[in-house]
Amino acid sequence: MIKYIIFDWGGVFTHGHLLKDFANNLSEKCERDKVEIEKIFREAEFPYETGQIIPEFFWDEFRKKLEIHLTKEEIQSIFLNSYVINDRMLELAKKMKKKYKLILLTNNYEDLFDFIKENYKLEQYFDHMFSSSKIKDKKPNKETFKFVIDKLKINPEEAIFVDDKEKNVIGAQKIGLKTIHFSGLDGFKKMLSLVNCT
């Protein structure tokens, strides 16, 4: 019997691609190519995403490498506001929360995660929330999944993990979690019915 549903955030509760959208939005504000912006971000992303450096340090270094006129606060603001929310998925989550324990497990950045939690009042959708920046590790590493499973004393056989990235789905399967590879709301609903979870 399924008691827990563990959700990814980006690509499940959001539309588009955060980093590409950010690079495009920032490119419009400065004279740097969006491909170059994304490349510079990617090169420095891991310690930022796993909480090894504070956001202020990341954005300061990012700005220096880009060599643009915008302040780091302006760049950070563009980043924080580059999300496009999937409202229909949030509505579904609110309904599902009445029947299941909903958990958010996201590879995310400290400042962005704090921003979305506050901005979208995520506590009304999720019982527990975990970010790579707090865990100091990220999906698909099995230790990331194990951290959540152990912390909440979850039996993997009673949980489903939902993510839009195949590598994360595979990582969850390795520790015994049932999984759904998310590709859209309609497909997700069909997969839920197949595992008797509606």
Protein backbone atom coordinates (compact mmCIF):
# COMPACT_ATOMS: atom_id res chain seq x y z
CA MET A 1 0.00 0.00 0.00
CA ILE A 2 1.39 3.38 -1.03
CA LYS A 3 1.66 5.90 1.82
CA TYR A 4 4.30 8.34 0.54
CA ILE A 5 4.86 10.15 -2.74
CA ILE A 6 8.26 11.77 -3.17
CA PHE A 7 8.27 14.51 -5.79
CA ASP A 8 10.99 16.29 -7.71
CA TRP A 9 10.37 20.02 -8.22
CA GLY A 10 11.83 21.38 -11.47
CA GLY A 11 10.21 19.84 -14.55
CA VAL A 12 7.37 18.41 -12.48
CA PHE A 13 5.93 21.50 -10.80
CA THR A 14 7.47 23.90 -13.29
CA HIS A 15 7.41 24.38 -17.05
CA GLY A 16 10.43 24.93 -19.25
CA HIS A 17 14.08 24.66 -18.23
CA LEU A 18 15.22 26.95 -15.42
CA LEU A 19 18.84 27.43 -16.46
CA LYS A 20 18.09 27.91 -20.15
CA ASP A 21 15.27 30.33 -19.32
CA PHE A 22 17.57 32.23 -16.94
CA ALA A 23 20.34 32.40 -19.55
CA ASN A 24 17.87 33.70 -22.10
CA ASN A 25 16.42 36.29 -19.68
CA LEU A 26 19.85 37.47 -18.58
CA SER A 27 21.12 37.63 -22.16
CA GLU A 28 18.37 40.12 -22.94
CA LYS A 29 19.64 42.38 -20.14
CA CYS A 30 23.33 42.32 -21.04
CA GLU A 31 25.62 41.76 -24.00
CA ARG A 32 26.57 38.15 -23.30
CA ASP A 33 25.47 35.15 -25.33
CA LYS A 34 22.97 32.86 -23.59
CA VAL A 35 25.08 29.77 -24.40
CA GLU A 36 28.09 31.37 -22.71
CA ILE A 37 25.96 32.35 -19.69
CA GLU A 38 24.74 28.78 -19.26
CA LYS A 39 28.29 27.41 -19.66
CA ILE A 40 29.71 29.71 -16.96
CA PHE A 41 26.85 28.79 -14.61
CA ARG A 42 27.32 25.06 -15.18
CA GLU A 43 31.05 25.23 -14.50
CA ALA A 44 30.47 26.58 -10.98
CA GLU A 45 27.09 24.98 -10.23
CA PHE A 46 27.91 21.87 -8.15
CA PRO A 47 29.17 23.52 -4.92
CA TYR A 48 26.30 26.04 -5.13
CA GLU A 49 23.69 23.32 -5.61
CA THR A 50 25.07 21.14 -2.82
CA GLY A 51 25.43 23.92 -0.25
CA GLN A 52 29.24 23.95 -0.19
CA ILE A 53 29.30 27.68 -0.89
CA ILE A 54 26.84 30.40 0.07
CA PRO A 55 24.69 31.98 -2.66
CA GLU A 56 26.31 35.42 -2.22
CA PHE A 57 29.73 33.96 -3.06
CA PHE A 58 28.38 32.10 -6.09
CA TRP A 59 26.68 35.18 -7.57
CA ASP A 60 29.68 37.39 -6.91
CA GLU A 61 31.99 34.97 -8.75
CA PHE A 62 29.43 34.43 -11.51
CA ARG A 63 29.19 38.18 -12.12
CA LYS A 64 32.99 38.56 -12.24
CA LYS A 65 33.29 35.79 -14.83
CA LEU A 66 30.52 37.28 -16.97
CA GLU A 67 32.04 40.77 -16.77
CA ILE A 68 28.72 42.58 -17.09
CA HIS A 69 27.37 45.87 -15.71
CA LEU A 70 24.51 44.32 -13.69
CA THR A 71 24.94 43.93 -9.93
CA LYS A 72 24.98 40.45 -8.42
CA GLU A 73 21.64 41.27 -6.76
CA GLU A 74 20.11 42.10 -10.14
CA ILE A 75 21.46 38.90 -11.67
CA GLN A 76 20.20 36.84 -8.73
CA SER A 77 16.75 38.44 -9.02
CA ILE A 78 16.53 37.47 -12.70
CA PHE A 79 17.47 33.91 -11.73
CA LEU A 80 14.92 33.65 -8.92
CA ASN A 81 12.15 34.85 -11.21
CA SER A 82 12.92 32.59 -14.19
CA TYR A 83 10.59 29.82 -13.02
CA VAL A 84 7.25 29.14 -14.72
CA ILE A 85 4.98 27.27 -12.30
CA ASN A 86 2.81 24.31 -13.31
CA ASP A 87 -0.33 25.37 -11.44
CA ARG A 88 -2.27 22.24 -12.41
CA MET A 89 0.32 20.02 -10.76
CA LEU A 90 0.21 22.09 -7.58
CA GLU A 91 -3.58 21.75 -7.55
CA LEU A 92 -3.24 17.97 -7.92
CA ALA A 93 -0.68 17.85 -5.12
CA LYS A 94 -3.03 19.67 -2.78
CA LYS A 95 -5.70 17.03 -3.44
CA MET A 96 -3.25 14.14 -3.07
CA LYS A 97 -1.99 15.50 0.25
CA LYS A 98 -5.34 14.57 1.79
CA LYS A 99 -4.60 10.90 1.13
CA TYR A 100 -0.81 10.57 1.09
CA LYS A 101 2.27 12.00 2.77
CA LEU A 102 3.84 14.22 0.12
CA ILE A 103 7.57 14.84 0.17
CA LEU A 104 9.58 17.23 -1.97
CA LEU A 105 13.12 16.14 -2.85
CA THR A 106 14.79 18.63 -5.15
CA ASN A 107 18.26 19.33 -6.49
CA ASN A 108 18.12 23.01 -5.69
CA TYR A 109 20.02 26.09 -4.57
CA GLU A 110 19.72 27.59 -1.09
CA ASP A 111 18.46 31.01 -2.18
CA LEU A 112 16.13 29.67 -4.88
CA PHE A 113 14.66 26.99 -2.62
CA ASP A 114 13.97 29.54 0.12
CA PHE A 115 12.41 31.82 -2.50
CA ILE A 116 10.01 29.22 -3.92
CA LYS A 117 9.05 27.90 -0.46
CA GLU A 118 8.03 31.38 0.63
CA ASN A 119 6.62 32.59 -2.68
CA TYR A 120 4.42 29.59 -3.36
CA LYS A 121 3.68 28.61 0.26
CA LEU A 122 4.88 25.07 -0.37
CA GLU A 123 3.97 23.88 3.11
CA GLN A 124 0.35 23.70 1.95
CA TYR A 125 1.35 21.08 -0.64
CA PHE A 126 4.11 19.06 1.04
CA ASP A 127 4.48 17.43 4.44
CA HIS A 128 8.29 17.42 4.23
CA MET A 129 10.77 19.25 1.97
CA PHE A 130 14.40 18.44 1.23
CA SER A 131 16.91 20.26 -0.97
CA SER A 132 20.35 19.19 -2.19
CA SER A 133 21.72 22.44 -0.75
CA LYS A 134 20.72 21.29 2.74
CA ILE A 135 21.49 17.58 2.34
CA LYS A 136 24.92 18.45 0.83
CA ASP A 137 24.38 15.81 -1.83
CA LYS A 138 22.16 15.48 -4.90
CA LYS A 139 20.12 13.05 -6.95
CA PRO A 140 20.78 10.55 -8.46
CA ASN A 141 23.29 9.63 -5.71
CA LYS A 142 21.75 6.89 -3.61
CA GLU A 143 22.84 8.60 -0.39
CA THR A 144 20.46 11.45 -1.19
CA PHE A 145 17.48 9.11 -1.38
CA LYS A 146 18.73 7.15 1.64
CA PHE A 147 18.91 10.36 3.68
CA VAL A 148 15.20 11.04 3.13
CA ILE A 149 14.14 7.41 3.60
CA ASP A 150 16.06 7.12 6.88
CA LYS A 151 15.06 10.56 8.16
CA LEU A 152 11.35 9.86 7.73
CA LYS A 153 11.60 6.12 8.49
CA ILE A 154 9.97 5.23 5.18
CA ASN A 155 9.57 1.67 3.92
CA PRO A 156 10.61 1.99 0.23
CA GLU A 157 7.86 -0.44 -0.76
CA GLU A 158 5.30 2.09 0.51
CA ALA A 159 6.66 5.01 -1.52
CA ILE A 160 6.67 6.28 -5.10
CA PHE A 161 9.32 8.65 -6.44
CA VAL A 162 8.37 11.05 -9.26
CA ASP A 163 10.96 12.86 -11.39
CA ASP A 164 11.24 14.12 -14.97
CA LYS A 165 14.89 13.04 -15.30
CA GLU A 166 15.53 9.38 -16.13
CA LYS A 167 18.86 9.25 -14.28
CA ASN A 168 17.12 10.28 -11.03
CA VAL A 169 14.39 7.69 -11.55
CA ILE A 170 17.05 5.01 -12.01
CA GLY A 171 18.84 6.20 -8.87
CA ALA A 172 15.62 5.87 -6.84
CA GLN A 173 14.98 2.38 -8.20
CA LYS A 174 18.39 1.26 -6.95
CA ILE A 175 17.30 1.70 -3.33
CA GLY A 176 13.96 -0.05 -3.87
CA LEU A 177 11.60 2.85 -4.53
CA LYS A 178 8.75 2.50 -6.98
CA THR A 179 9.06 5.24 -9.58
CA ILE A 180 7.20 7.30 -12.15
CA HIS A 181 9.14 9.03 -14.93
CA PHE A 182 7.19 12.27 -15.24
CA SER A 183 6.42 13.52 -18.75
CA GLY A 184 3.31 15.61 -18.15
CA LEU A 185 0.17 15.81 -16.04
CA ASP A 186 -2.01 13.50 -18.13
CA GLY A 187 0.64 10.80 -18.34
CA PHE A 188 1.28 11.12 -14.61
CA LYS A 189 -2.38 10.53 -13.81
CA LYS A 190 -2.38 7.41 -15.98
CA MET A 191 0.73 6.07 -14.24
CA LEU A 192 -0.86 6.70 -10.84
CA SER A 193 -3.87 4.61 -11.82
CA LEU A 194 -1.60 1.78 -12.96
CA VAL A 195 -0.07 1.54 -9.49
CA ASN A 196 -3.48 1.86 -7.82
CA CYS A 197 -2.60 5.32 -6.53
CA THR A 198 -5.18 7.97 -7.45
